[in-house]
């Protein structure tokens, strides 16, 4: 192999590596964008779940209070003889 052939072969290999790196960089950027979008969606879902859990706790507390009121009223009523 002549020095010129060797240089040409090295140049070709460098170009191939540059192309591969370019594709890898684009893939990394694309994956990063997808990951950021998914993370934002997970955050939104977690906030939504937290709000829903708070509503459920509030509803359960109101239900428990209502049940206690009914029972208290029943206790206050006189039983028929």
N, C-alpha and C. Protein backbone atom coordinates (compact mmCIF):
# COMPACT_ATOMS: atom_id res chain seq x y z
N UNK A 1 0.85 -1.17 0.00
CA UNK A 1 0.00 0.00 0.00
C UNK A 1 0.90 1.24 0.00
N UNK A 2 0.60 2.11 -0.89
CA UNK A 2 1.41 3.33 -1.02
C UNK A 2 0.96 4.34 0.03
N UNK A 3 1.80 5.31 0.33
CA UNK A 3 1.42 6.34 1.31
C UNK A 3 0.13 7.07 0.89
N UNK A 4 -0.05 7.28 -0.40
CA UNK A 4 -1.26 7.97 -0.88
C UNK A 4 -2.49 7.10 -0.64
N UNK A 5 -2.35 5.80 -0.92
CA UNK A 5 -3.46 4.88 -0.66
C UNK A 5 -3.81 4.85 0.84
N UNK A 6 -2.77 4.84 1.63
CA UNK A 6 -2.96 4.81 3.09
C UNK A 6 -3.69 6.07 3.55
N UNK A 7 -3.28 7.21 3.04
CA UNK A 7 -3.91 8.49 3.39
C UNK A 7 -5.38 8.50 2.95
N UNK A 8 -5.64 8.04 1.75
CA UNK A 8 -7.00 7.99 1.23
C UNK A 8 -7.87 7.07 2.10
N UNK A 9 -7.32 5.94 2.48
CA UNK A 9 -8.05 5.00 3.32
C UNK A 9 -8.35 5.62 4.69
N UNK A 10 -7.38 6.30 5.27
CA UNK A 10 -7.59 6.95 6.56
C UNK A 10 -8.64 8.07 6.45
N UNK A 11 -8.59 8.83 5.37
CA UNK A 11 -9.56 9.90 5.16
C UNK A 11 -10.98 9.32 5.04
N UNK A 12 -11.10 8.23 4.31
CA UNK A 12 -12.40 7.57 4.16
C UNK A 12 -12.92 7.09 5.51
N UNK A 13 -12.05 6.50 6.29
CA UNK A 13 -12.45 6.00 7.60
C UNK A 13 -12.85 7.14 8.53
N UNK A 14 -12.14 8.25 8.45
CA UNK A 14 -12.47 9.42 9.27
C UNK A 14 -13.84 9.96 8.88
N UNK A 15 -14.10 10.03 7.58
CA UNK A 15 -15.40 10.51 7.11
C UNK A 15 -16.51 9.57 7.61
N UNK A 16 -16.30 8.28 7.53
CA UNK A 16 -17.29 7.32 8.02
C UNK A 16 -17.55 7.50 9.52
N UNK A 17 -16.50 7.71 10.27
CA UNK A 17 -16.65 7.93 11.71
C UNK A 17 -17.39 9.24 11.99
N UNK A 18 -17.10 10.28 11.23
CA UNK A 18 -17.79 11.55 11.41
C UNK A 18 -19.29 11.41 11.11
N UNK A 19 -19.61 10.65 10.09
CA UNK A 19 -21.01 10.41 9.75
C UNK A 19 -21.70 9.65 10.89
N UNK A 20 -21.04 8.62 11.40
CA UNK A 20 -21.62 7.85 12.50
C UNK A 20 -21.84 8.73 13.73
N UNK A 21 -20.86 9.55 14.07
CA UNK A 21 -20.97 10.43 15.23
C UNK A 21 -22.12 11.42 15.02
N UNK A 22 -22.25 11.92 13.81
CA UNK A 22 -23.33 12.86 13.50
C UNK A 22 -24.70 12.20 13.73
N UNK A 23 -24.87 10.99 13.24
CA UNK A 23 -26.13 10.27 13.45
C UNK A 23 -26.36 9.98 14.93
N UNK A 24 -25.31 9.63 15.63
CA UNK A 24 -25.44 9.35 17.07
C UNK A 24 -25.85 10.62 17.83
N UNK A 25 -25.26 11.75 17.47
CA UNK A 25 -25.62 13.01 18.13
C UNK A 25 -27.08 13.35 17.88
N UNK A 26 -27.54 13.14 16.65
CA UNK A 26 -28.94 13.42 16.35
C UNK A 26 -29.86 12.47 17.12
N UNK A 27 -29.48 11.21 17.18
CA UNK A 27 -30.28 10.23 17.93
C UNK A 27 -30.34 10.61 19.41
N UNK A 28 -29.22 11.01 19.96
CA UNK A 28 -29.18 11.43 21.37
C UNK A 28 -30.09 12.63 21.59
N UNK A 29 -30.02 13.61 20.69
CA UNK A 29 -30.88 14.79 20.81
C UNK A 29 -32.36 14.41 20.72
N UNK A 30 -32.69 13.51 19.78
CA UNK A 30 -34.08 13.06 19.63
C UNK A 30 -34.56 12.33 20.88
N UNK A 31 -33.72 11.45 21.41
CA UNK A 31 -34.08 10.70 22.61
C UNK A 31 -34.22 11.64 23.82
N UNK A 32 -33.37 12.64 23.89
CA UNK A 32 -33.44 13.61 24.97
C UNK A 32 -34.77 14.36 24.92
N UNK A 33 -35.19 14.76 23.72
CA UNK A 33 -36.47 15.47 23.57
C UNK A 33 -37.64 14.58 23.99
N UNK A 34 -37.60 13.32 23.60
CA UNK A 34 -38.66 12.38 23.98
C UNK A 34 -38.68 12.18 25.49
N UNK A 35 -37.51 12.02 26.08
CA UNK A 35 -37.41 11.81 27.52
C UNK A 35 -37.93 13.02 28.28
N UNK A 36 -37.59 14.22 27.83
CA UNK A 36 -38.08 15.44 28.50
C UNK A 36 -39.60 15.53 28.40
N UNK A 37 -40.16 15.20 27.24
CA UNK A 37 -41.62 15.24 27.07
C UNK A 37 -42.29 14.22 27.99
N UNK A 38 -41.73 13.03 28.07
CA UNK A 38 -42.30 12.00 28.95
C UNK A 38 -42.19 12.40 30.41
N UNK A 39 -41.07 13.00 30.79
CA UNK A 39 -40.90 13.44 32.17
C UNK A 39 -41.92 14.52 32.52
N UNK A 40 -42.18 15.44 31.59
CA UNK A 40 -43.18 16.47 31.82
C UNK A 40 -44.57 15.85 31.98
N UNK A 41 -44.86 14.86 31.17
CA UNK A 41 -46.17 14.18 31.25
C UNK A 41 -46.30 13.42 32.58
N UNK A 42 -45.25 12.75 33.00
CA UNK A 42 -45.27 12.04 34.29
C UNK A 42 -45.50 13.05 35.43
N UNK A 43 -44.82 14.18 35.38
CA UNK A 43 -45.01 15.21 36.40
C UNK A 43 -46.47 15.67 36.44
N UNK A 44 -47.04 15.91 35.27
CA UNK A 44 -48.44 16.36 35.20
C UNK A 44 -49.38 15.29 35.76
N UNK A 45 -49.12 14.04 35.43
CA UNK A 45 -49.96 12.95 35.94
C UNK A 45 -49.83 12.80 37.45
N UNK A 46 -48.62 12.99 37.96
CA UNK A 46 -48.42 12.90 39.41
C UNK A 46 -49.17 14.03 40.13
N UNK A 47 -49.14 15.25 39.56
CA UNK A 47 -49.89 16.35 40.15
C UNK A 47 -51.40 16.06 40.13
N UNK A 48 -51.86 15.53 39.00
CA UNK A 48 -53.27 15.18 38.87
C UNK A 48 -53.67 14.11 39.89
N UNK A 49 -52.83 13.12 40.05
CA UNK A 49 -53.11 12.05 41.02
C UNK A 49 -53.15 12.60 42.44
N UNK A 50 -52.24 13.50 42.76
CA UNK A 50 -52.21 14.10 44.10
C UNK A 50 -53.50 14.88 44.36
N UNK A 51 -53.95 15.64 43.36
CA UNK A 51 -55.20 16.39 43.51
C UNK A 51 -56.38 15.43 43.69
N UNK A 52 -56.42 14.37 42.91
CA UNK A 52 -57.50 13.41 43.00
C UNK A 52 -57.52 12.72 44.36
N UNK A 53 -56.35 12.37 44.86
CA UNK A 53 -56.28 11.73 46.18
C UNK A 53 -56.78 12.68 47.27
N UNK A 54 -56.45 13.97 47.13
CA UNK A 54 -56.93 14.96 48.11
C UNK A 54 -58.45 15.06 48.05
N UNK A 55 -59.01 15.05 46.84
CA UNK A 55 -60.47 15.09 46.70
C UNK A 55 -61.12 13.86 47.33
N UNK A 56 -60.51 12.70 47.11
CA UNK A 56 -61.05 11.46 47.69
C UNK A 56 -61.00 11.51 49.22
N UNK A 57 -59.91 12.02 49.77
CA UNK A 57 -59.81 12.12 51.23
C UNK A 57 -60.86 13.08 51.77
N UNK A 58 -61.06 14.19 51.06
CA UNK A 58 -62.06 15.17 51.47
C UNK A 58 -63.46 14.56 51.41
N UNK A 59 -63.75 13.85 50.35
CA UNK A 59 -65.07 13.21 50.21
C UNK A 59 -65.27 12.17 51.31
N UNK A 60 -64.24 11.40 51.61
CA UNK A 60 -64.34 10.39 52.67
C UNK A 60 -64.57 11.06 54.02
N UNK A 61 -63.89 12.17 54.25
CA UNK A 61 -64.07 12.88 55.52
C UNK A 61 -65.49 13.43 55.63
N UNK A 62 -66.01 13.98 54.54
CA UNK A 62 -67.38 14.50 54.54
C UNK A 62 -68.38 13.37 54.75
N UNK A 63 -68.13 12.24 54.13
CA UNK A 63 -69.01 11.09 54.28
C UNK A 63 -68.99 10.60 55.72
N UNK A 64 -67.81 10.54 56.30
CA UNK A 64 -67.69 10.08 57.68
C UNK A 64 -68.42 11.06 58.61
N UNK A 65 -68.30 12.35 58.35
CA UNK A 65 -68.98 13.34 59.18
C UNK A 65 -70.49 13.20 59.03
N UNK A 66 -70.96 12.98 57.82
CA UNK A 66 -72.39 12.81 57.59
C UNK A 66 -72.91 11.58 58.32
N UNK A 67 -72.17 10.50 58.25
CA UNK A 67 -72.56 9.27 58.95
C UNK A 67 -72.61 9.52 60.45
N UNK A 68 -71.64 10.23 60.96
CA UNK A 68 -71.62 10.53 62.39
C UNK A 68 -72.82 11.39 62.78
N UNK A 69 -73.18 12.35 61.93
CA UNK A 69 -74.35 13.19 62.21
C UNK A 69 -75.63 12.36 62.26
N UNK A 70 -75.79 11.46 61.30
CA UNK A 70 -76.98 10.60 61.26
C UNK A 70 -77.04 9.75 62.52
N UNK A 71 -75.93 9.16 62.87
CA UNK A 71 -75.91 8.31 64.08
C UNK A 71 -76.21 9.12 65.32
N UNK A 72 -75.69 10.33 65.38
CA UNK A 72 -75.94 11.18 66.55
C UNK A 72 -77.42 11.53 66.63
N UNK A 73 -78.02 11.83 65.49
CA UNK A 73 -79.46 12.14 65.49
C UNK A 73 -80.28 10.93 65.93
N UNK A 74 -79.88 9.77 65.47
CA UNK A 74 -80.59 8.56 65.87
C UNK A 74 -80.47 8.33 67.37
N UNK A 75 -79.30 8.62 67.90
CA UNK A 75 -79.11 8.49 69.36
C UNK A 75 -79.99 9.46 70.12
N UNK A 76 -80.24 10.62 69.57
CA UNK A 76 -81.04 11.64 70.21
C UNK A 76 -82.53 11.32 70.19
N UNK A 77 -82.97 10.52 69.24
CA UNK A 77 -84.38 10.17 69.11
C UNK A 77 -84.77 9.20 70.22
N UNK A 78 -85.97 9.37 70.64
CA UNK A 78 -86.47 8.45 71.66
C UNK A 78 -86.98 7.19 70.99
N UNK A 79 -86.74 6.09 71.61
CA UNK A 79 -87.22 4.82 71.10
C UNK A 79 -88.68 4.63 71.50
N UNK A 80 -89.49 4.07 70.60
CA UNK A 80 -90.90 3.82 70.97
C UNK A 80 -90.98 2.76 72.05
N UNK A 81 -91.95 2.90 72.88
CA UNK A 81 -92.09 1.95 73.98
C UNK A 81 -92.94 0.79 73.63
